[in-house]
Protein backbone atom coordinates (compact mmCIF):
# COMPACT_ATOMS: atom_id res chain seq x y z
CA UNK A 1 9.37 95.00 -71.58
CA UNK A 2 7.65 94.53 -68.49
CA UNK A 3 6.34 97.32 -65.70
CA UNK A 4 7.84 97.23 -63.02
CA UNK A 5 7.42 99.37 -60.11
CA UNK A 6 10.18 102.48 -59.94
CA UNK A 7 11.61 103.01 -56.34
CA UNK A 8 12.74 106.65 -55.97
CA UNK A 9 15.79 105.93 -54.27
CA UNK A 10 18.65 103.81 -55.79
CA UNK A 11 20.88 102.45 -53.53
CA UNK A 12 24.46 101.75 -54.62
CA UNK A 13 26.86 100.02 -52.26
CA UNK A 14 28.38 97.66 -54.64
CA UNK A 15 31.08 99.06 -56.78
CA UNK A 16 34.37 99.99 -56.57
CA UNK A 17 36.39 102.92 -58.34
CA UNK A 18 33.04 104.98 -57.76
CA UNK A 19 33.48 108.80 -56.99
CA UNK A 20 31.94 112.27 -57.61
CA UNK A 21 31.69 113.49 -61.56
CA UNK A 22 33.39 116.64 -62.39
CA UNK A 23 34.01 116.53 -65.99
CA UNK A 24 33.27 118.40 -68.94
CA UNK A 25 29.74 118.61 -69.53
CA UNK A 26 30.16 119.52 -73.57
CA UNK A 27 28.92 116.05 -75.35
CA UNK A 28 29.97 115.44 -79.13
CA UNK A 29 29.79 113.02 -81.59
CA UNK A 30 32.43 114.05 -83.65
CA UNK A 31 35.44 111.58 -83.80
CA UNK A 32 33.37 109.31 -81.83
CA UNK A 33 34.47 105.99 -80.71
CA UNK A 34 32.78 102.48 -82.11
CA UNK A 35 31.52 101.33 -79.01
CA UNK A 36 30.67 97.23 -79.41
CA UNK A 37 29.99 94.52 -77.56
CA UNK A 38 26.98 96.20 -75.52
CA UNK A 39 23.29 95.56 -75.42
CA UNK A 40 20.77 98.23 -76.03
CA UNK A 41 18.99 97.10 -72.94
CA UNK A 42 20.04 94.34 -70.12
CA UNK A 43 17.36 92.59 -68.00
CA UNK A 44 18.42 91.28 -64.97
CA UNK A 45 16.83 89.50 -61.73
CA UNK A 46 17.59 90.32 -58.30
CA UNK A 47 20.86 89.15 -57.19
CA UNK A 48 22.21 88.36 -60.93
CA UNK A 49 26.19 89.20 -62.26
CA UNK A 50 25.96 92.09 -64.78
CA UNK A 51 28.91 92.06 -66.89
CA UNK A 52 29.55 94.53 -69.64
CA UNK A 53 32.90 94.44 -71.56
CA UNK A 54 32.76 97.17 -74.35
CA UNK A 55 34.99 97.08 -77.26
CA UNK A 56 35.92 100.57 -78.35
CA UNK A 57 37.72 101.53 -81.92
CA UNK A 58 38.86 104.79 -82.46
CA UNK A 59 39.14 107.09 -85.55
CA UNK A 60 42.43 107.61 -86.70
CA UNK A 61 45.48 105.54 -86.41
CA UNK A 62 46.36 106.59 -82.37
CA UNK A 63 44.12 105.81 -79.51
CA UNK A 64 43.57 109.12 -77.37
CA UNK A 65 44.03 108.88 -73.83
CA UNK A 66 40.36 108.49 -72.49
CA UNK A 67 38.64 108.46 -69.03
CA UNK A 68 35.18 106.06 -68.28
CA UNK A 69 32.24 106.77 -66.80
CA UNK A 70 29.19 104.26 -65.78
CA UNK A 71 25.98 105.68 -64.44
CA UNK A 72 22.87 104.28 -63.69
CA UNK A 73 20.47 106.69 -62.83
CA UNK A 74 22.22 109.73 -62.20
CA UNK A 75 24.58 108.41 -59.89
CA UNK A 76 28.52 107.41 -61.20
CA UNK A 77 28.95 103.89 -60.40
CA UNK A 78 32.32 102.89 -62.06
CA UNK A 79 35.48 104.93 -63.72
CA UNK A 80 36.74 101.52 -65.53
CA UNK A 81 36.66 100.56 -68.89
CA UNK A 82 34.82 97.51 -67.90
CA UNK A 83 31.38 97.23 -65.65
CA UNK A 84 31.45 94.15 -63.59
CA UNK A 85 28.88 93.78 -60.67
CA UNK A 86 28.96 90.56 -58.81
CA UNK A 87 25.41 90.61 -57.58
CA UNK A 88 23.18 93.21 -58.87
CA UNK A 89 20.99 93.83 -55.76
CA UNK A 90 18.68 96.99 -56.74
CA UNK A 91 14.91 96.77 -57.30
CA UNK A 92 14.25 99.78 -59.22
CA UNK A 93 12.60 98.45 -62.09
CA UNK A 94 14.01 100.59 -65.37
CA UNK A 95 17.37 102.06 -65.09
CA UNK A 96 18.58 104.25 -67.45
CA UNK A 97 22.32 104.24 -67.56
CA UNK A 98 25.33 105.68 -69.64
CA UNK A 99 28.31 104.61 -70.72
CA UNK A 100 30.55 107.75 -71.25
CA UNK A 101 34.33 107.84 -72.79
CA UNK A 102 35.96 111.15 -71.95
CA UNK A 103 38.98 112.45 -74.37
CA UNK A 104 41.65 113.25 -71.54
CA UNK A 105 43.14 116.42 -72.98
CA UNK A 106 39.91 117.89 -74.37
CA UNK A 107 37.10 116.87 -71.97
CA UNK A 108 35.04 116.03 -74.75
CA UNK A 109 32.38 112.99 -73.94
CA UNK A 110 30.92 110.50 -76.32
CA UNK A 111 27.85 109.08 -74.79
CA UNK A 112 26.62 105.39 -75.22
CA UNK A 113 23.06 105.14 -73.13
CA UNK A 114 21.27 102.03 -72.23
CA UNK A 115 18.81 100.28 -70.14
CA UNK A 116 18.50 97.65 -67.49
CA UNK A 117 15.52 96.18 -65.94
CA UNK A 118 15.72 94.53 -62.28
CA UNK A 119 13.13 92.28 -61.25
CA UNK A 120 12.28 90.32 -58.43
CA UNK A 121 14.10 86.97 -57.81
CA UNK A 122 11.06 84.74 -58.61
CA UNK A 123 9.17 87.45 -60.87
CA UNK A 124 8.77 85.89 -64.27
CA UNK A 125 9.22 82.63 -65.81
CA UNK A 126 8.22 78.89 -66.00
CA UNK A 127 7.19 78.10 -62.30
CA UNK A 128 7.22 73.98 -62.33
CA UNK A 129 5.04 72.35 -59.06
CA UNK A 130 6.64 68.86 -58.16
CA UNK A 131 5.90 65.73 -56.28
CA UNK A 132 8.67 65.02 -53.92
CA UNK A 133 7.90 62.13 -51.50
CA UNK A 134 4.07 63.40 -51.17
CA UNK A 135 5.74 66.87 -50.53
CA UNK A 136 5.18 70.12 -52.78
CA UNK A 137 8.36 71.37 -54.38
CA UNK A 138 8.89 74.17 -56.73
CA UNK A 139 11.32 75.07 -59.22
CA UNK A 140 11.50 77.73 -61.86
CA UNK A 141 12.82 78.37 -64.90
CA UNK A 142 14.02 81.72 -65.21
CA UNK A 143 14.10 83.97 -68.63
CA UNK A 144 16.04 87.09 -69.08
CA UNK A 145 15.55 89.31 -72.18
CA UNK A 146 18.99 90.62 -73.32
CA UNK A 147 18.07 93.45 -76.46
CA UNK A 148 20.26 94.49 -78.78
CA UNK A 149 21.05 97.93 -80.18
CA UNK A 150 19.46 96.18 -83.57
CA UNK A 151 16.17 95.01 -81.75
CA UNK A 152 17.08 91.43 -81.50
CA UNK A 153 15.90 89.40 -78.64
CA UNK A 154 17.94 86.92 -77.08
CA UNK A 155 16.46 84.89 -74.00
CA UNK A 156 18.93 83.63 -71.47
CA UNK A 157 17.45 80.88 -69.36
CA UNK A 158 18.45 79.94 -65.68
CA UNK A 159 17.19 76.87 -63.88
CA UNK A 160 16.66 77.04 -60.09
CA UNK A 161 16.15 73.60 -59.07
CA UNK A 162 14.78 73.70 -55.65
CA UNK A 163 13.12 76.63 -54.67
CA UNK A 164 12.95 77.68 -50.78
CA UNK A 165 14.17 74.25 -50.09
CA UNK A 166 13.61 74.25 -46.09
CA UNK A 167 10.22 76.09 -46.38
CA UNK A 168 6.81 73.88 -45.79
CA UNK A 169 4.59 73.87 -48.71
CA UNK A 170 2.19 71.23 -47.86
CA UNK A 171 1.39 67.63 -49.06
CA UNK A 172 0.29 66.03 -52.39
CA UNK A 173 0.18 68.84 -54.57
CA UNK A 174 -2.17 69.11 -56.90
CA UNK A 175 -2.05 72.86 -58.81
CA UNK A 176 -0.58 76.30 -59.26
CA UNK A 177 -2.78 79.05 -59.67
CA UNK A 178 -1.16 82.94 -59.99
CA UNK A 179 -3.90 85.34 -59.19
CA UNK A 180 -4.10 89.39 -58.32
CA UNK A 181 -6.34 91.84 -56.24
CA UNK A 182 -9.39 91.83 -58.75
CA UNK A 183 -9.21 95.62 -59.79
CA UNK A 184 -6.10 97.20 -61.24
CA UNK A 185 -4.71 98.58 -58.11
CA UNK A 186 -1.12 99.83 -56.86
CA UNK A 187 -0.47 96.19 -55.72
CA UNK A 188 2.50 94.75 -57.98
CA UNK A 189 2.84 91.38 -58.50
CA UNK A 190 0.22 88.51 -57.93
CA UNK A 191 0.63 85.56 -55.78
CA UNK A 192 0.66 82.13 -55.93
CA UNK A 193 -1.64 79.45 -54.35
CA UNK A 194 0.24 76.13 -54.24
CA UNK A 195 -2.90 73.77 -54.08
CA UNK A 196 -2.25 70.72 -52.19
CA UNK A 197 -4.97 67.73 -51.58
CA UNK A 198 -4.01 67.41 -48.03
CA UNK A 199 -3.05 69.37 -45.04
CA UNK A 200 -2.84 73.04 -45.57
CA UNK A 201 -2.52 74.63 -48.85
CA UNK A 202 -0.19 78.04 -49.13
CA UNK A 203 -0.35 81.49 -50.87
CA UNK A 204 3.34 82.52 -51.57
CA UNK A 205 4.72 86.14 -52.35
CA UNK A 206 5.15 86.52 -55.98
CA UNK A 207 8.71 88.24 -55.49
CA UNK A 208 10.13 85.43 -53.21
CA UNK A 209 7.97 82.63 -53.39
CA UNK A 210 8.02 82.93 -49.46
CA UNK A 211 4.39 81.78 -48.20
CA UNK A 212 2.32 84.59 -46.69
CA UNK A 213 -0.73 82.47 -45.28
CA UNK A 214 -2.57 79.43 -44.88
CA UNK A 215 -5.79 78.52 -47.05
CA UNK A 216 -7.41 77.45 -43.98
CA UNK A 217 -6.72 80.88 -42.26
CA UNK A 218 -9.17 82.74 -45.54
CA UNK A 219 -12.07 80.60 -44.01
CA UNK A 220 -14.71 81.64 -41.44
CA UNK A 221 -13.39 80.69 -38.19
CA UNK A 222 -9.87 79.08 -39.81
CA UNK A 223 -11.51 75.32 -39.96
CA UNK A 224 -11.99 73.74 -43.18
CA UNK A 225 -15.17 72.54 -44.18
CA UNK A 226 -16.11 68.88 -43.96
CA UNK A 227 -14.81 66.93 -46.40
CA UNK A 228 -12.68 69.92 -48.07
CA UNK A 229 -10.37 68.57 -50.61
CA UNK A 230 -9.30 71.80 -53.01
CA UNK A 231 -8.69 70.69 -56.65
CA UNK A 232 -9.19 73.70 -58.35
CA UNK A 233 -9.76 77.89 -57.51
CA UNK A 234 -10.88 80.68 -59.72
CA UNK A 235 -10.09 84.32 -58.82
CA UNK A 236 -12.11 86.94 -60.58
CA UNK A 237 -12.77 90.99 -59.75
CA UNK A 238 -15.16 90.98 -56.96
CA UNK A 239 -15.23 87.04 -55.99
CA UNK A 240 -12.88 84.18 -55.43
CA UNK A 241 -13.83 80.26 -55.55
CA UNK A 242 -12.46 77.21 -54.20
CA UNK A 243 -13.54 74.06 -55.62
CA UNK A 244 -13.58 70.58 -53.15
CA UNK A 245 -13.00 67.00 -54.78
CA UNK A 246 -16.44 66.65 -53.58
CA UNK A 247 -17.93 68.74 -56.00
CA UNK A 248 -18.70 71.45 -53.72
CA UNK A 249 -18.08 74.86 -54.38
CA UNK A 250 -16.64 77.80 -51.46
CA UNK A 251 -16.85 81.48 -52.47
CA UNK A 252 -16.44 84.86 -50.57
CA UNK A 253 -16.82 88.15 -51.81
CA UNK A 254 -13.56 90.21 -52.00
CA UNK A 255 -14.49 93.08 -49.49
CA UNK A 256 -11.67 95.31 -51.00
CA UNK A 257 -11.37 94.35 -55.02
CA UNK A 258 -7.80 96.63 -54.57
CA UNK A 259 -6.29 93.92 -52.25
CA UNK A 260 -5.59 90.30 -51.38
CA UNK A 261 -7.74 87.98 -48.95
CA UNK A 262 -10.01 90.55 -47.92
CA UNK A 263 -13.33 88.59 -46.81
CA UNK A 264 -13.36 85.25 -45.80
CA UNK A 265 -15.05 81.81 -47.53
CA UNK A 266 -17.90 80.34 -46.09
CA UNK A 267 -17.74 76.81 -44.54
CA UNK A 268 -21.32 76.25 -46.21
CA UNK A 269 -20.86 75.34 -49.67
CA UNK A 270 -22.82 77.77 -52.38
CA UNK A 271 -25.98 76.23 -53.65
CA UNK A 272 -26.58 75.90 -57.00
CA UNK A 273 -29.11 75.02 -59.69
CA UNK A 274 -30.38 71.40 -60.05
CA UNK A 275 -27.98 70.06 -57.48
CA UNK A 276 -24.84 71.13 -59.42
CA UNK A 277 -21.53 68.93 -58.62
CA UNK A 278 -18.93 71.03 -60.38
CA UNK A 279 -15.89 68.96 -62.36
CA UNK A 280 -13.68 72.14 -62.80
CA UNK A 281 -13.59 76.06 -63.79
CA UNK A 282 -12.33 76.92 -67.17
CA UNK A 283 -10.94 80.68 -66.39
CA UNK A 284 -10.76 83.77 -68.99
CA UNK A 285 -8.71 87.11 -68.85
CA UNK A 286 -11.46 88.03 -65.92
CA UNK A 287 -11.00 91.85 -66.12
CA UNK A 288 -12.10 91.97 -69.98
CA UNK A 289 -14.44 89.54 -69.94
CA UNK A 290 -16.46 90.04 -66.49
CA UNK A 291 -16.92 86.61 -66.19
CA UNK A 292 -15.91 82.87 -65.01
CA UNK A 293 -17.45 79.65 -66.86
CA UNK A 294 -17.98 76.29 -64.63
CA UNK A 295 -18.46 73.08 -65.75
CA UNK A 296 -21.48 71.25 -63.90
CA UNK A 297 -20.54 67.55 -64.31
CA UNK A 298 -23.29 66.09 -62.51
CA UNK A 299 -25.82 67.71 -64.83
CA UNK A 300 -23.47 67.74 -67.98
CA UNK A 301 -23.69 71.32 -68.58
CA UNK A 302 -21.85 74.83 -68.08
CA UNK A 303 -22.73 77.55 -65.64
CA UNK A 304 -21.29 80.91 -66.14
CA UNK A 305 -20.82 83.26 -62.96
CA UNK A 306 -21.28 87.13 -63.75
CA UNK A 307 -18.84 89.40 -62.70
CA UNK A 308 -17.60 92.65 -64.00
CA UNK A 309 -14.26 94.65 -63.89
CA UNK A 310 -16.33 97.88 -63.12
CA UNK A 311 -17.98 99.45 -60.41
CA UNK A 312 -21.47 98.55 -62.01
CA UNK A 313 -24.63 97.89 -59.94
CA UNK A 314 -24.25 95.34 -57.73
CA UNK A 315 -27.37 93.38 -59.10
CA UNK A 316 -25.48 93.28 -62.03
CA UNK A 317 -22.78 91.04 -60.52
CA UNK A 318 -22.15 87.80 -58.23
CA UNK A 319 -24.76 85.29 -59.69
CA UNK A 320 -24.59 81.90 -61.25
CA UNK A 321 -26.64 80.89 -64.64
CA UNK A 322 -27.55 78.42 -66.42
CA UNK A 323 -26.62 79.00 -70.46
CA UNK A 324 -30.34 77.99 -71.40
CA UNK A 325 -31.24 81.06 -73.13
CA UNK A 326 -30.13 80.21 -76.71
CA UNK A 327 -33.24 79.46 -78.11
CA UNK A 328 -32.21 77.73 -81.35
CA UNK A 329 -29.13 75.75 -82.03
CA UNK A 330 -27.32 74.88 -85.39
CA UNK A 331 -27.96 71.50 -86.42
CA UNK A 332 -25.55 68.94 -84.41
CA UNK A 333 -24.96 71.49 -81.97
CA UNK A 334 -24.97 70.08 -78.25
CA UNK A 335 -27.43 72.14 -76.14
CA UNK A 336 -24.68 74.08 -73.56
CA UNK A 337 -27.25 73.80 -71.17
CA UNK A 338 -27.80 70.04 -71.34
CA UNK A 339 -24.89 68.59 -73.43
CA UNK A 340 -25.66 64.91 -73.06
CA UNK A 341 -21.86 63.89 -73.25
CA UNK A 342 -18.81 65.05 -71.30
CA UNK A 343 -16.32 67.57 -71.45
CA UNK A 344 -12.80 65.80 -71.88
CA UNK A 345 -11.08 69.03 -72.28
CA UNK A 346 -11.87 72.79 -72.73
CA UNK A 347 -10.26 76.13 -72.62
CA UNK A 348 -10.86 80.11 -73.03
CA UNK A 349 -9.47 82.29 -75.81
CA UNK A 350 -9.99 84.97 -77.82
CA UNK A 351 -11.32 87.45 -74.85
CA UNK A 352 -13.00 90.47 -75.95
CA UNK A 353 -14.54 93.07 -73.25
CA UNK A 354 -17.35 91.27 -71.49
CA UNK A 355 -17.03 87.91 -73.89
CA UNK A 356 -15.09 85.09 -74.21
CA UNK A 357 -14.63 82.19 -76.87
CA UNK A 358 -14.36 78.58 -75.26
CA UNK A 359 -13.08 75.80 -77.48
CA UNK A 360 -14.25 72.31 -75.90
CA UNK A 361 -13.49 68.47 -76.64
CA UNK A 362 -16.86 66.49 -76.06
CA UNK A 363 -16.93 62.65 -75.50
CA UNK A 364 -20.14 60.74 -76.07
CA UNK A 365 -21.91 58.07 -74.33
CA UNK A 366 -21.04 55.96 -77.35
CA UNK A 367 -17.21 56.63 -77.36
CA UNK A 368 -17.38 59.23 -80.08
CA UNK A 369 -15.44 62.71 -79.98
CA UNK A 370 -16.71 65.94 -81.22
CA UNK A 371 -15.26 69.68 -80.79
CA UNK A 372 -17.32 72.62 -80.15
CA UNK A 373 -16.63 76.16 -79.95
CA UNK A 374 -18.97 78.95 -78.19
CA UNK A 375 -19.01 82.41 -77.28
CA UNK A 376 -20.22 83.44 -73.82
CA UNK A 377 -21.09 87.16 -73.08
CA UNK A 378 -21.89 88.81 -69.69
CA UNK A 379 -22.97 92.76 -70.00
CA UNK A 380 -24.53 94.60 -67.16
CA UNK A 381 -26.47 91.42 -65.31
CA UNK A 382 -27.56 90.31 -69.43
CA UNK A 383 -25.97 87.07 -70.26
CA UNK A 384 -26.13 85.31 -73.47
CA UNK A 385 -24.37 82.59 -75.73
CA UNK A 386 -23.77 82.15 -79.28
CA UNK A 387 -22.94 78.71 -80.40
CA UNK A 388 -20.26 78.66 -83.20
CA UNK A 389 -19.78 75.47 -84.52
CA UNK A 390 -19.31 72.02 -83.51
CA UNK A 391 -18.00 68.89 -85.57
CA UNK A 392 -16.26 64.96 -85.09
CA UNK A 393 -13.14 65.73 -84.11
CA UNK A 394 -10.56 64.40 -86.44
CA UNK A 395 -7.95 63.40 -84.09
CA UNK A 396 -10.48 61.07 -82.07
CA UNK A 397 -7.91 57.83 -82.65
CA UNK A 398 -5.07 60.00 -80.94
CA UNK A 399 -6.93 60.98 -77.93
CA UNK A 400 -5.68 59.37 -74.60
CA UNK A 401 -7.43 59.75 -70.75
CA UNK A 402 -4.27 61.81 -69.81
CA UNK A 403 -4.27 64.00 -73.41
CA UNK A 404 -3.50 68.04 -72.82
CA UNK A 405 -4.85 70.60 -74.47
CA UNK A 406 -3.59 74.10 -74.79
CA UNK A 407 -5.22 76.96 -77.00
CA UNK A 408 -2.76 80.24 -78.22
CA UNK A 409 -3.78 83.79 -78.58
CA UNK A 410 -2.16 85.00 -81.70
CA UNK A 411 -2.28 82.14 -83.76
CA UNK A 412 -5.50 80.38 -82.62
CA UNK A 413 -3.85 76.88 -82.74
CA UNK A 414 -5.40 74.18 -80.69
CA UNK A 415 -2.38 71.72 -79.51
CA UNK A 416 -3.65 68.47 -78.22
CA UNK A 417 -0.73 65.93 -76.94
CA UNK A 418 -1.29 62.32 -77.26
CA UNK A 419 1.92 60.28 -74.78
CA UNK A 420 4.75 61.95 -76.47
CA UNK A 421 3.25 63.15 -79.23
CA UNK A 422 2.27 66.68 -79.92
CA UNK A 423 -0.58 67.75 -82.47
CA UNK A 424 -1.71 71.23 -83.60
CA UNK A 425 -4.52 72.83 -85.76
CA UNK A 426 -5.87 76.48 -86.81
CA UNK A 427 -8.98 77.09 -84.87
CA UNK A 428 -9.80 79.49 -87.56
CA UNK A 429 -10.50 76.73 -90.27
CA UNK A 430 -13.20 75.56 -87.86
CA UNK A 431 -14.90 72.26 -88.52
CA UNK A 432 -12.32 71.64 -91.22
CA UNK A 433 -9.51 71.91 -88.99
CA UNK A 434 -6.67 69.69 -89.86
CA UNK A 435 -4.14 68.39 -87.47
CA UNK A 436 -0.11 67.95 -88.19
CA UNK A 437 2.47 66.54 -86.02
CA UNK A 438 4.84 69.38 -84.24
CA UNK A 439 7.69 66.77 -85.11
CA UNK A 440 10.49 68.91 -83.70
CA UNK A 441 9.42 67.78 -80.10
CA UNK A 442 11.23 64.71 -79.54
CA UNK A 443 10.80 64.46 -75.48
CA UNK A 444 8.94 61.89 -73.48
CA UNK A 445 5.11 61.53 -72.84
CA UNK A 446 3.79 65.08 -72.08
CA UNK A 447 2.33 65.83 -68.69
CA UNK A 448 1.78 69.38 -68.93
CA UNK A 449 2.06 72.10 -71.46
CA UNK A 450 1.21 75.81 -71.50
CA UNK A 451 1.57 78.72 -74.20
CA UNK A 452 2.59 82.23 -73.73
CA UNK A 453 2.79 85.00 -75.57
CA UNK A 454 5.34 88.22 -74.96
CA UNK A 455 6.03 91.24 -76.91
CA UNK A 456 9.84 90.37 -77.26
CA UNK A 457 9.36 86.26 -78.30
CA UNK A 458 6.33 86.04 -79.66
CA UNK A 459 4.28 82.93 -79.15
CA UNK A 460 6.03 79.87 -77.08
CA UNK A 461 4.67 76.78 -75.86
CA UNK A 462 6.15 75.21 -72.41
CA UNK A 463 6.42 71.90 -71.85
CA UNK A 464 7.04 69.13 -69.27
CA UNK A 465 7.31 65.86 -70.15
CA UNK A 466 7.08 62.17 -67.80
CA UNK A 467 10.99 62.62 -67.20
CA UNK A 468 11.01 66.14 -65.48
CA UNK A 469 12.55 67.61 -68.85
CA UNK A 470 11.18 70.97 -69.59
CA UNK A 471 10.99 72.13 -73.32
CA UNK A 472 10.05 75.98 -74.69
CA UNK A 473 9.01 75.25 -77.95
CA UNK A 474 8.88 77.93 -81.18
CA UNK A 475 5.19 78.53 -82.48
CA UNK A 476 6.35 80.99 -85.18
CA UNK A 477 3.94 80.07 -88.21
CA UNK A 478 7.22 79.62 -90.81
CA UNK A 479 8.70 77.80 -87.85
CA UNK A 480 5.87 75.35 -87.38
CA UNK A 481 5.25 75.02 -91.11
CA UNK A 482 8.59 73.26 -91.12
CA UNK A 483 8.20 70.92 -88.54
CA UNK A 484 8.79 73.29 -85.32
CA UNK A 485 11.84 74.06 -83.76
CA UNK A 486 13.14 73.65 -79.94
CA UNK A 487 14.33 76.68 -78.20
CA UNK A 488 15.12 75.35 -75.03
CA UNK A 489 15.51 72.22 -73.39
CA UNK A 490 16.46 71.89 -69.70
CA UNK A 491 19.61 70.73 -68.20
CA UNK A 492 17.70 69.55 -65.51
CA UNK A 493 15.27 66.43 -64.91
CA UNK A 494 12.36 68.07 -62.37
CA UNK A 495 11.36 64.93 -61.06
CA UNK A 496 7.90 64.22 -60.70
CA UNK A 497 5.99 67.31 -62.08
CA UNK A 498 2.35 67.72 -61.00
CA UNK A 499 1.51 71.21 -62.57
CA UNK A 500 3.25 74.17 -64.70
CA UNK A 501 2.52 77.60 -65.23
CA UNK A 502 4.31 80.71 -66.86
CA UNK A 503 4.25 82.79 -63.93
CA UNK A 504 3.95 86.54 -65.50
CA UNK A 505 4.24 88.43 -61.90
CA UNK A 506 2.81 91.57 -63.57
CA UNK A 507 -1.27 91.54 -64.76
CA UNK A 508 -0.91 93.61 -67.14
CA UNK A 509 1.71 90.84 -69.04
CA UNK A 510 -0.97 88.36 -68.22
CA UNK A 511 -3.50 89.80 -69.87
CA UNK A 512 -1.34 90.09 -72.86
CA UNK A 513 0.26 87.10 -72.83
CA UNK A 514 -2.92 84.91 -72.14
């Protein structure tokens, strides 16, 4: 399911009834008991309980006298019929386990192998940033995936309302950003940036969400630039960027792309073409696309940052380029270097190596809305863009100033929120898109939504409403054709939610699930 670091040494000090195994190692499937109420795989988070109560049915009229042996790896941990662990405190990745039933008289053993996956306390799940009286607070909905022998997956949700409640995480919360070391390396989990409008922003450990350092420590001289108030962050392979509320851009080169926090941000803002004033970043899967797209709100255009996931010539990366190379646009397609319209919503999708597709909603000075799709490519220092389509946005009458947009990966849907309504359409239809309402969602006004796809569950959409309620929506095509389905609704209300992300933990999961 997920890639985890394997620890060679398993420390097991938890169990009663443990002893050395001196039994008969002749295994057979003859007259094997039927073992039920056991899963093929158990997903646990550090500290979770684990209880397995197998049901055994023996062939014949009488049940023989039997002994029980529970193994984790090569270690015998329990000799009772039921395995009960109050707090599983191993951090060991995948654990190959076995429940063995032994006939006392003959010494014949029957094996029932299964697997356990142990993750860090806050490794994966829906991470929520809240404003609690002006202070930044975190909550999480963890997901544990239980796999039965049939292959069916059950998702078990656990809500953690207040994480590290005594820890200072800053004031005026704005954004959460998960990021990793630039290049694939032995560095495990990503880190979380808690971005705040006033005071300090904080980098948190990907395992336990405890502070590692303050963003001010990453600037030259540990001093913020004058007027600095961060609103966005972007991390690519060889560079990192922080965007200030005044549109000024600060960047650093990652001196060691295989490690975190190498190099420092300059206190002098980065200069760009024609007095740029950035509004936001449009991130993509940088280790595939070798790029980062910026929106210059002053000049109403896109700028592309050329980067690389390989050790290419330094001259082929580390520059900001205008998308002015398109010589001829299709009729009705706005110039990417001079849109003459405002970008209202935009996101990246369909990543390929060195290329990403972007889908945007534009607003003209006359108040009309358009949808636009194009791709941008960065290859060995060569920048190119390809227009796809542009047409009037068919859902314009439902669009609000605070509407949110989400783009799915596999199904190629675009989701648009409008107060407490959720609409979707297939991007594959391009300028012929038809939007439908996701009827199963009955929550309040949507304040944030994020799509995710995993090998186990397919595509889903996480939604937080104005009442602090969290929902997981099913995005499978058959379900959506029947009005949709709410897979999970939180038991708790999380207060004033500012931002919400799906915390992948492992970068490979992020690259798959984007």
